C-alpha atoms as a PDB file:
ATOM      1  CA  MET A   1    -210.447 147.159 -85.491  1.00  0.00           C
ATOM      2  CA  THR A   2    -207.516 144.851 -84.857  1.00  0.00           C
ATOM      3  CA  GLN A   3    -206.905 142.420 -87.700  1.00  0.00           C
ATOM      4  CA  GLU A   4    -205.693 138.890 -87.067  1.00  0.00           C
ATOM      5  CA  PHE A   5    -202.071 137.884 -87.591  1.00  0.00           C
ATOM      6  CA  VAL A   6    -199.504 135.660 -85.872  1.00  0.00           C
ATOM      7  CA  HIS A   7    -195.738 136.252 -85.841  1.00  0.00           C
ATOM      8  CA  LEU A   8    -194.014 132.998 -86.846  1.00  0.00           C
ATOM      9  CA  HIS A   9    -190.372 134.098 -87.256  1.00  0.00           C
ATOM     10  CA  VAL A  10    -189.137 135.691 -84.036  1.00  0.00           C
ATOM     11  CA  HIS A  11    -185.776 135.959 -82.252  1.00  0.00           C
ATOM     12  CA  SER A  12    -185.254 136.701 -78.567  1.00  0.00           C
ATOM     13  CA  ASP A  13    -181.991 137.340 -76.754  1.00  0.00           C
ATOM     14  CA  TYR A  14    -181.458 133.574 -76.831  1.00  0.00           C
ATOM     15  CA  SER A  15    -180.359 134.191 -80.425  1.00  0.00           C
ATOM     16  CA  PHE A  16    -177.113 135.254 -78.842  1.00  0.00           C
ATOM     17  CA  LEU A  17    -175.660 138.618 -79.889  1.00  0.00           C
ATOM     18  CA  ASP A  18    -178.227 138.869 -82.685  1.00  0.00           C
ATOM     19  CA  GLY A  19    -181.687 138.945 -81.079  1.00  0.00           C
ATOM     20  CA  LEU A  20    -182.447 141.824 -78.731  1.00  0.00           C
ATOM     21  CA  CYS A  21    -185.987 140.959 -77.580  1.00  0.00           C
ATOM     22  CA  ARG A  22    -186.673 139.568 -74.135  1.00  0.00           C
ATOM     23  CA  ILE A  23    -189.278 136.812 -74.003  1.00  0.00           C
ATOM     24  CA  GLN A  24    -191.436 138.681 -71.486  1.00  0.00           C
ATOM     25  CA  GLU A  25    -191.513 141.673 -73.856  1.00  0.00           C
ATOM     26  CA  LEU A  26    -192.446 139.531 -76.849  1.00  0.00           C
ATOM     27  CA  VAL A  27    -195.338 137.863 -75.065  1.00  0.00           C
ATOM     28  CA  ALA A  28    -196.522 141.213 -73.705  1.00  0.00           C
ATOM     29  CA  LYS A  29    -196.640 142.493 -77.286  1.00  0.00           C
ATOM     30  CA  ALA A  30    -198.703 139.507 -78.400  1.00  0.00           C
ATOM     31  CA  VAL A  31    -201.158 140.208 -75.588  1.00  0.00           C
ATOM     32  CA  LYS A  32    -201.277 143.942 -76.346  1.00  0.00           C
ATOM     33  CA  TYR A  33    -201.925 143.335 -80.038  1.00  0.00           C
ATOM     34  CA  GLU A  34    -204.538 140.640 -79.273  1.00  0.00           C
ATOM     35  CA  GLN A  35    -202.649 137.995 -81.198  1.00  0.00           C
ATOM     36  CA  PRO A  36    -203.783 134.442 -80.377  1.00  0.00           C
ATOM     37  CA  ALA A  37    -200.376 132.797 -80.734  1.00  0.00           C
ATOM     38  CA  LEU A  38    -196.659 133.503 -81.042  1.00  0.00           C
ATOM     39  CA  ALA A  39    -193.674 131.551 -82.330  1.00  0.00           C
ATOM     40  CA  LEU A  40    -190.079 131.578 -81.125  1.00  0.00           C
ATOM     41  CA  THR A  41    -187.436 130.662 -83.724  1.00  0.00           C
ATOM     42  CA  GLU A  42    -183.941 131.212 -82.386  1.00  0.00           C
ATOM     43  CA  HIS A  43    -180.849 130.879 -84.535  1.00  0.00           C
ATOM     44  CA  GLY A  44    -179.719 127.275 -84.204  1.00  0.00           C
ATOM     45  CA  ASN A  45    -180.925 126.578 -80.663  1.00  0.00           C
ATOM     46  CA  LEU A  46    -183.908 125.804 -78.422  1.00  0.00           C
ATOM     47  CA  HIS A  47    -182.489 127.374 -75.265  1.00  0.00           C
ATOM     48  CA  GLY A  48    -185.466 129.673 -74.688  1.00  0.00           C
ATOM     49  CA  ALA A  49    -188.185 127.068 -75.316  1.00  0.00           C
ATOM     50  CA  ILE A  50    -189.206 126.369 -71.710  1.00  0.00           C
ATOM     51  CA  GLU A  51    -189.213 130.019 -70.624  1.00  0.00           C
ATOM     52  CA  PHE A  52    -191.149 130.914 -73.764  1.00  0.00           C
ATOM     53  CA  TYR A  53    -193.689 128.124 -73.285  1.00  0.00           C
ATOM     54  CA  THR A  54    -194.439 128.926 -69.650  1.00  0.00           C
ATOM     55  CA  THR A  55    -194.568 132.693 -70.255  1.00  0.00           C
ATOM     56  CA  CYS A  56    -197.026 132.257 -73.131  1.00  0.00           C
ATOM     57  CA  LYS A  57    -199.196 129.841 -71.166  1.00  0.00           C
ATOM     58  CA  ASN A  58    -199.364 132.200 -68.192  1.00  0.00           C
ATOM     59  CA  ALA A  59    -200.423 135.028 -70.515  1.00  0.00           C
ATOM     60  CA  GLY A  60    -203.063 133.022 -72.396  1.00  0.00           C
ATOM     61  CA  ILE A  61    -201.070 132.970 -75.645  1.00  0.00           C
ATOM     62  CA  LYS A  62    -200.563 129.785 -77.667  1.00  0.00           C
ATOM     63  CA  PRO A  63    -196.793 129.067 -77.802  1.00  0.00           C
ATOM     64  CA  ILE A  64    -195.379 127.797 -81.096  1.00  0.00           C
ATOM     65  CA  ILE A  65    -191.909 126.397 -80.527  1.00  0.00           C
ATOM     66  CA  GLY A  66    -189.567 126.463 -83.490  1.00  0.00           C
ATOM     67  CA  CYS A  67    -186.045 127.112 -84.639  1.00  0.00           C
ATOM     68  CA  GLU A  68    -184.329 128.927 -87.472  1.00  0.00           C
ATOM     69  CA  PHE A  69    -181.911 126.129 -88.235  1.00  0.00           C
ATOM     70  CA  TYR A  70    -178.640 126.477 -90.075  1.00  0.00           C
ATOM     71  CA  ILE A  71    -178.770 124.022 -92.948  1.00  0.00           C
ATOM     72  CA  ALA A  72    -175.746 122.699 -94.826  1.00  0.00           C
ATOM     73  CA  PRO A  73    -175.660 123.174 -98.628  1.00  0.00           C
ATOM     74  CA  GLY A  74    -175.023 119.438 -98.960  1.00  0.00           C
ATOM     75  CA  SER A  75    -174.353 116.876 -96.258  1.00  0.00           C
ATOM     76  CA  ARG A  76    -173.957 118.071 -92.663  1.00  0.00           C
ATOM     77  CA  LEU A  77    -171.008 115.671 -92.443  1.00  0.00           C
ATOM     78  CA  GLU A  78    -169.029 117.554 -95.086  1.00  0.00           C
ATOM     79  CA  LYS A  79    -166.841 120.095 -93.272  1.00  0.00           C
ATOM     80  CA  ILE A  80    -165.264 121.791 -96.285  1.00  0.00           C
ATOM     81  CA  LYS A  81    -166.254 125.273 -97.423  1.00  0.00           C
ATOM     82  CA  GLU A  82    -166.030 125.772-101.175  1.00  0.00           C
ATOM     83  CA  LYS A  83    -164.674 129.118-102.333  1.00  0.00           C
ATOM     84  CA  GLY A  84    -167.468 131.547-103.114  1.00  0.00           C
ATOM     85  CA  LYS A  85    -170.110 129.349-101.469  1.00  0.00           C
ATOM     86  CA  LYS A  86    -171.761 129.478 -98.052  1.00  0.00           C
ATOM     87  CA  ALA A  87    -171.107 126.876 -95.374  1.00  0.00           C
ATOM     88  CA  PHE A  88    -174.762 127.109 -94.303  1.00  0.00           C
ATOM     89  CA  HIS A  89    -178.144 128.622 -95.125  1.00  0.00           C
ATOM     90  CA  HIS A  90    -181.232 129.293 -92.962  1.00  0.00           C
ATOM     91  CA  ILE A  91    -184.570 127.483 -92.738  1.00  0.00           C
ATOM     92  CA  THR A  92    -187.526 128.046 -90.381  1.00  0.00           C
ATOM     93  CA  ILE A  93    -189.014 124.960 -88.703  1.00  0.00           C
ATOM     94  CA  LEU A  94    -191.993 124.926 -86.304  1.00  0.00           C
ATOM     95  CA  ALA A  95    -193.367 122.156 -84.076  1.00  0.00           C
ATOM     96  CA  LYS A  96    -197.101 121.537 -84.294  1.00  0.00           C
ATOM     97  CA  ASP A  97    -197.353 118.812 -81.610  1.00  0.00           C
ATOM     98  CA  ASN A  98    -195.348 116.751 -79.126  1.00  0.00           C
ATOM     99  CA  ASP A  99    -193.841 114.623 -81.885  1.00  0.00           C
ATOM    100  CA  GLY A 100    -192.696 117.803 -83.597  1.00  0.00           C
ATOM    101  CA  TYR A 101    -191.143 119.149 -80.406  1.00  0.00           C
ATOM    102  CA  LYS A 102    -189.247 115.891 -79.859  1.00  0.00           C
ATOM    103  CA  ASN A 103    -188.009 116.054 -83.452  1.00  0.00           C
ATOM    104  CA  LEU A 104    -186.893 119.667 -82.987  1.00  0.00           C
ATOM    105  CA  ILE A 105    -184.765 118.422 -80.095  1.00  0.00           C
ATOM    106  CA  LYS A 106    -183.320 115.608 -82.222  1.00  0.00           C
ATOM    107  CA  LEU A 107    -182.502 118.027 -85.040  1.00  0.00           C
ATOM    108  CA  SER A 108    -180.915 120.496 -82.650  1.00  0.00           C
ATOM    109  CA  THR A 109    -178.811 117.820 -80.990  1.00  0.00           C
ATOM    110  CA  ALA A 110    -177.610 116.423 -84.317  1.00  0.00           C
ATOM    111  CA  SER A 111    -176.770 119.921 -85.567  1.00  0.00           C
ATOM    112  CA  TYR A 112    -174.220 120.315 -82.753  1.00  0.00           C
ATOM    113  CA  VAL A 113    -172.967 116.728 -82.441  1.00  0.00           C
ATOM    114  CA  GLU A 114    -172.781 115.835 -86.150  1.00  0.00           C
ATOM    115  CA  GLY A 115    -173.101 118.962 -88.257  1.00  0.00           C
ATOM    116  CA  PHE A 116    -171.187 121.716 -86.478  1.00  0.00           C
ATOM    117  CA  TYR A 117    -169.054 123.690 -88.930  1.00  0.00           C
ATOM    118  CA  TYR A 118    -168.967 127.446 -88.296  1.00  0.00           C
ATOM    119  CA  LYS A 119    -172.530 126.947 -86.983  1.00  0.00           C
ATOM    120  CA  PRO A 120    -174.605 123.979 -85.739  1.00  0.00           C
ATOM    121  CA  ARG A 121    -176.003 122.591 -89.014  1.00  0.00           C
ATOM    122  CA  ILE A 122    -178.639 120.132 -90.123  1.00  0.00           C
ATOM    123  CA  ASP A 123    -179.281 118.867 -93.666  1.00  0.00           C
ATOM    124  CA  ASN A 124    -182.125 117.522 -95.793  1.00  0.00           C
ATOM    125  CA  GLU A 125    -181.369 113.956 -94.715  1.00  0.00           C
ATOM    126  CA  LEU A 126    -182.072 114.876 -91.089  1.00  0.00           C
ATOM    127  CA  LEU A 127    -185.178 116.850 -92.054  1.00  0.00           C
ATOM    128  CA  ALA A 128    -186.565 113.809 -93.844  1.00  0.00           C
ATOM    129  CA  LYS A 129    -185.746 111.533 -90.900  1.00  0.00           C
ATOM    130  CA  TYR A 130    -187.286 113.814 -88.257  1.00  0.00           C
ATOM    131  CA  SER A 131    -190.102 115.549 -90.162  1.00  0.00           C
ATOM    132  CA  LYS A 132    -193.054 114.140 -88.229  1.00  0.00           C
ATOM    133  CA  GLY A 133    -194.992 116.894 -86.468  1.00  0.00           C
ATOM    134  CA  LEU A 134    -193.023 119.699 -88.099  1.00  0.00           C
ATOM    135  CA  ILE A 135    -194.015 122.649 -90.285  1.00  0.00           C
ATOM    136  CA  CYS A 136    -191.484 124.142 -92.697  1.00  0.00           C
ATOM    137  CA  LEU A 137    -191.339 127.788 -93.719  1.00  0.00           C
ATOM    138  CA  THR A 138    -188.769 128.079 -96.488  1.00  0.00           C
ATOM    139  CA  GLY A 139    -186.867 130.833 -94.671  1.00  0.00           C
ATOM    140  CA  CYS A 140    -185.455 134.324 -95.110  1.00  0.00           C
ATOM    141  CA  LEU A 141    -183.162 135.782 -97.784  1.00  0.00           C
ATOM    142  CA  SER A 142    -180.420 133.435 -96.544  1.00  0.00           C
ATOM    143  CA  SER A 143    -182.466 130.293 -97.174  1.00  0.00           C
ATOM    144  CA  PRO A 144    -181.510 127.680 -99.779  1.00  0.00           C
ATOM    145  CA  LEU A 145    -184.568 128.553-101.863  1.00  0.00           C
ATOM    146  CA  ALA A 146    -184.075 132.331-101.735  1.00  0.00           C
ATOM    147  CA  CYS A 147    -180.364 132.079-102.543  1.00  0.00           C
ATOM    148  CA  THR A 148    -181.159 129.824-105.499  1.00  0.00           C
ATOM    149  CA  VAL A 149    -183.799 132.225-106.829  1.00  0.00           C
ATOM    150  CA  LEU A 150    -181.576 135.274-106.364  1.00  0.00           C
ATOM    151  CA  GLY A 151    -178.738 133.415-108.071  1.00  0.00           C
ATOM    152  CA  GLY A 152    -180.883 132.605-111.078  1.00  0.00           C
ATOM    153  CA  GLY A 153    -180.982 128.878-110.325  1.00  0.00           C
ATOM    154  CA  ASP A 154    -183.754 126.303-110.633  1.00  0.00           C
ATOM    155  CA  ALA A 155    -186.120 126.361-107.640  1.00  0.00           C
ATOM    156  CA  GLU A 156    -188.069 123.242-108.614  1.00  0.00           C
ATOM    157  CA  PRO A 157    -185.716 120.604-107.104  1.00  0.00           C
ATOM    158  CA  ILE A 158    -185.686 122.402-103.735  1.00  0.00           C
ATOM    159  CA  ILE A 159    -189.451 122.845-103.566  1.00  0.00           C
ATOM    160  CA  SER A 160    -190.048 119.267-104.708  1.00  0.00           C
ATOM    161  CA  GLU A 161    -187.721 117.856-102.054  1.00  0.00           C
ATOM    162  CA  TYR A 162    -189.249 119.937 -99.269  1.00  0.00           C
ATOM    163  CA  ARG A 163    -192.760 119.036-100.392  1.00  0.00           C
ATOM    164  CA  ASN A 164    -191.837 115.344-100.356  1.00  0.00           C
ATOM    165  CA  ILE A 165    -190.611 115.796 -96.781  1.00  0.00           C
ATOM    166  CA  PHE A 166    -193.316 118.078 -95.347  1.00  0.00           C
ATOM    167  CA  GLY A 167    -196.301 117.588 -97.629  1.00  0.00           C
ATOM    168  CA  ARG A 168    -199.068 120.089 -96.793  1.00  0.00           C
ATOM    169  CA  ASP A 169    -196.946 121.540 -93.992  1.00  0.00           C
ATOM    170  CA  LEU A 170    -194.662 123.434 -96.394  1.00  0.00           C
ATOM    171  CA  TYR A 171    -195.024 127.206 -96.856  1.00  0.00           C
ATOM    172  CA  LEU A 172    -193.116 129.722 -98.965  1.00  0.00           C
ATOM    173  CA  GLU A 173    -191.959 132.400 -96.514  1.00  0.00           C
ATOM    174  CA  ILE A 174    -192.191 136.016 -97.684  1.00  0.00           C
ATOM    175  CA  GLN A 175    -191.135 139.230 -95.944  1.00  0.00           C
ATOM    176  CA  ARG A 176    -191.405 142.959 -96.559  1.00  0.00           C
ATOM    177  CA  THR A 177    -188.728 144.552 -94.425  1.00  0.00           C
ATOM    178  CA  ASN A 178    -187.258 146.667 -97.244  1.00  0.00           C
ATOM    179  CA  SER A 179    -184.176 144.473 -97.507  1.00  0.00           C
ATOM    180  CA  LYS A 180    -182.406 144.130-100.836  1.00  0.00           C
ATOM    181  CA  GLY A 181    -183.665 141.201-102.869  1.00  0.00           C
ATOM    182  CA  GLN A 182    -187.080 140.853-101.250  1.00  0.00           C
ATOM    183  CA  ASP A 183    -188.992 142.264-104.225  1.00  0.00           C
ATOM    184  CA  THR A 184    -187.343 139.676-106.474  1.00  0.00           C
ATOM    185  CA  ILE A 185    -188.157 136.901-104.012  1.00  0.00           C
ATOM    186  CA  LEU A 186    -191.754 138.058-103.615  1.00  0.00           C
ATOM    187  CA  GLU A 187    -192.385 138.099-107.353  1.00  0.00           C
ATOM    188  CA  ALA A 188    -190.756 134.701-107.838  1.00  0.00           C
ATOM    189  CA  TYR A 189    -192.504 133.066-104.872  1.00  0.00           C
ATOM    190  CA  GLN A 190    -195.938 134.213-106.020  1.00  0.00           C
ATOM    191  CA  LYS A 191    -195.339 132.408-109.305  1.00  0.00           C
ATOM    192  CA  LEU A 192    -193.876 129.341-107.574  1.00  0.00           C
ATOM    193  CA  SER A 193    -196.822 129.232-105.168  1.00  0.00           C
ATOM    194  CA  LYS A 194    -199.273 128.991-108.061  1.00  0.00           C
ATOM    195  CA  GLU A 195    -197.132 126.569-110.057  1.00  0.00           C
ATOM    196  CA  PHE A 196    -196.438 124.104-107.241  1.00  0.00           C
ATOM    197  CA  LYS A 197    -199.569 124.736-105.127  1.00  0.00           C
ATOM    198  CA  VAL A 198    -197.494 125.684-102.063  1.00  0.00           C
ATOM    199  CA  PRO A 199    -199.065 128.460 -99.939  1.00  0.00           C
ATOM    200  CA  LEU A 200    -197.339 131.731 -99.076  1.00  0.00           C
ATOM    201  CA  VAL A 201    -196.867 132.875 -95.476  1.00  0.00           C
ATOM    202  CA  ALA A 202    -195.917 136.348 -94.257  1.00  0.00           C
ATOM    203  CA  THR A 203    -193.299 136.879 -91.538  1.00  0.00           C
ATOM    204  CA  ASN A 204    -191.230 139.805 -90.285  1.00  0.00           C
ATOM    205  CA  ASP A 205    -188.071 138.096 -88.957  1.00  0.00           C
ATOM    206  CA  VAL A 206    -188.369 139.950 -85.630  1.00  0.00           C
ATOM    207  CA  HIS A 207    -185.035 140.781 -83.971  1.00  0.00           C
ATOM    208  CA  TYR A 208    -186.000 143.666 -81.655  1.00  0.00           C
ATOM    209  CA  THR A 209    -189.197 144.666 -79.918  1.00  0.00           C
ATOM    210  CA  GLU A 210    -189.687 148.369 -80.718  1.00  0.00           C
ATOM    211  CA  ASP A 211    -188.726 150.288 -83.845  1.00  0.00           C
ATOM    212  CA  THR A 212    -186.719 152.600 -81.561  1.00  0.00           C
ATOM    213  CA  ASP A 213    -184.513 149.633 -80.561  1.00  0.00           C
ATOM    214  CA  ARG A 214    -182.746 149.477 -83.929  1.00  0.00           C
ATOM    215  CA  ARG A 215    -179.635 151.380 -82.777  1.00  0.00           C
ATOM    216  CA  ALA A 216    -179.279 149.169 -79.714  1.00  0.00           C
ATOM    217  CA  HIS A 217    -179.640 146.120 -81.955  1.00  0.00           C
ATOM    218  CA  ASP A 218    -177.010 147.490 -84.302  1.00  0.00           C
ATOM    219  CA  ALA A 219    -174.631 147.888 -81.342  1.00  0.00           C
ATOM    220  CA  LEU A 220    -175.388 144.282 -80.345  1.00  0.00           C
ATOM    221  CA  LEU A 221    -174.371 143.118 -83.818  1.00  0.00           C
ATOM    222  CA  CYS A 222    -171.073 144.969 -83.396  1.00  0.00           C
ATOM    223  CA  ILE A 223    -170.392 143.099 -80.165  1.00  0.00           C
ATOM    224  CA  GLY A 224    -171.240 139.809 -81.858  1.00  0.00           C
ATOM    225  CA  THR A 225    -168.978 140.455 -84.833  1.00  0.00           C
ATOM    226  CA  GLY A 226    -166.155 142.214 -82.957  1.00  0.00           C
ATOM    227  CA  THR A 227    -166.495 145.414 -84.966  1.00  0.00           C
ATOM    228  CA  HIS A 228    -167.006 149.122 -84.253  1.00  0.00           C
ATOM    229  CA  ILE A 229    -170.280 150.895 -84.911  1.00  0.00           C
ATOM    230  CA  ASN A 230    -168.468 153.445 -87.105  1.00  0.00           C
ATOM    231  CA  ASP A 231    -166.925 150.741 -89.289  1.00  0.00           C
ATOM    232  CA  THR A 232    -168.551 151.172 -92.710  1.00  0.00           C
ATOM    233  CA  GLU A 233    -167.469 147.707 -93.892  1.00  0.00           C
ATOM    234  CA  ARG A 234    -168.973 145.762 -90.991  1.00  0.00           C
ATOM    235  CA  PHE A 235    -171.992 143.464 -91.068  1.00  0.00           C
ATOM    236  CA  LYS A 236    -175.256 145.279 -90.415  1.00  0.00           C
ATOM    237  CA  PHE A 237    -178.920 144.947 -91.297  1.00  0.00           C
ATOM    238  CA  ASP A 238    -179.837 146.902 -94.419  1.00  0.00           C
ATOM    239  CA  SER A 239    -183.265 147.836 -93.037  1.00  0.00           C
ATOM    240  CA  ASP A 240    -184.826 149.251 -89.866  1.00  0.00           C
ATOM    241  CA  GLU A 241    -187.955 147.115 -90.160  1.00  0.00           C
ATOM    242  CA  TYR A 242    -187.040 144.032 -88.124  1.00  0.00           C
ATOM    243  CA  TYR A 243    -189.165 144.928 -85.105  1.00  0.00           C
ATOM    244  CA  TYR A 244    -192.352 143.451 -83.623  1.00  0.00           C
ATOM    245  CA  LYS A 245    -195.106 144.985 -85.759  1.00  0.00           C
ATOM    246  CA  ASP A 246    -198.755 144.982 -84.738  1.00  0.00           C
ATOM    247  CA  SER A 247    -201.319 142.958 -86.661  1.00  0.00           C
ATOM    248  CA  ASN A 248    -202.812 145.920 -88.499  1.00  0.00           C
ATOM    249  CA  LYS A 249    -199.388 146.945 -89.777  1.00  0.00           C
ATOM    250  CA  MET A 250    -198.598 143.434 -90.991  1.00  0.00           C
ATOM    251  CA  CYS A 251    -201.995 143.080 -92.654  1.00  0.00           C
ATOM    252  CA  THR A 252    -201.519 146.441 -94.386  1.00  0.00           C
ATOM    253  CA  LEU A 253    -198.041 145.405 -95.588  1.00  0.00           C
ATOM    254  CA  PHE A 254    -199.541 142.336 -97.244  1.00  0.00           C
ATOM    255  CA  SER A 255    -202.951 143.737 -98.181  1.00  0.00           C
ATOM    256  CA  ASP A 256    -202.333 142.667-101.786  1.00  0.00           C
ATOM    257  CA  ILE A 257    -201.505 139.098-100.687  1.00  0.00           C
ATOM    258  CA  PRO A 258    -204.111 138.361 -97.968  1.00  0.00           C
ATOM    259  CA  GLU A 259    -203.578 134.622 -98.273  1.00  0.00           C
ATOM    260  CA  ALA A 260    -200.071 135.077 -96.779  1.00  0.00           C
ATOM    261  CA  ILE A 261    -201.676 136.606 -93.673  1.00  0.00           C
ATOM    262  CA  TYR A 262    -204.312 133.869 -93.490  1.00  0.00           C
ATOM    263  CA  SER A 263    -201.543 131.262 -93.575  1.00  0.00           C
ATOM    264  CA  THR A 264    -200.178 132.558 -90.251  1.00  0.00           C
ATOM    265  CA  LEU A 265    -203.540 131.781 -88.630  1.00  0.00           C
ATOM    266  CA  GLU A 266    -203.758 128.420 -90.380  1.00  0.00           C
ATOM    267  CA  ILE A 267    -200.320 127.462 -89.075  1.00  0.00           C
ATOM    268  CA  ALA A 268    -201.197 128.603 -85.553  1.00  0.00           C
ATOM    269  CA  GLU A 269    -204.296 126.382 -85.676  1.00  0.00           C
ATOM    270  CA  LYS A 270    -202.149 123.417 -86.689  1.00  0.00           C
END
């Protein structure tokens, strides 16, 4: 029996030289796996939103339009990179209605016009200004919260600020793709979820459609970073698990944390 799950962190080939999936393939997977909805969260852009929306609608799948924004460590207006620190982190934002979609557009525009530094960046000030209609998943291992936890810092100020901005539409994003650091994040987030009453949500950070596509995706990363596939020092994913998994597989992965699976359905209903 197929269990229920919705993918909420997904990249297509509109995540240029990083995402390998084609939108038609993603939607076909959602149909095949009998998933009621699907999100699209490109890196720093909304370029695929219209194609994604119409393809989902034609297939009878609920489209959830989002973006994995690059977020500045401080103000988006500060264009100085401190030594040993990142110029940006990642955060996953989803639109739950028309107001949310309009605010996604405003955030995306501001990220290019005002915040561009290495990448198009937003900041917490913009999130607070344009939060209406938006749902926040705290993001992957490169998120502000995850980097703080992995660095041994205090997570409370970050969670408190996000909760003030998003209220009941804030979720702690957890993944099990066998990447380094995820076990630490999972353990910490389970404690933070109970302490701050913020629900967990499971995602898989999909970058390619089939598990057999991992070598092609790796080659795509080489093109994007100007490196050779035999270069041992180059950037590459440290796991082969970033593909579009079926619902049963995702539910099995998080069988010990069923509430994180339920959250995907709750978000899709929103």
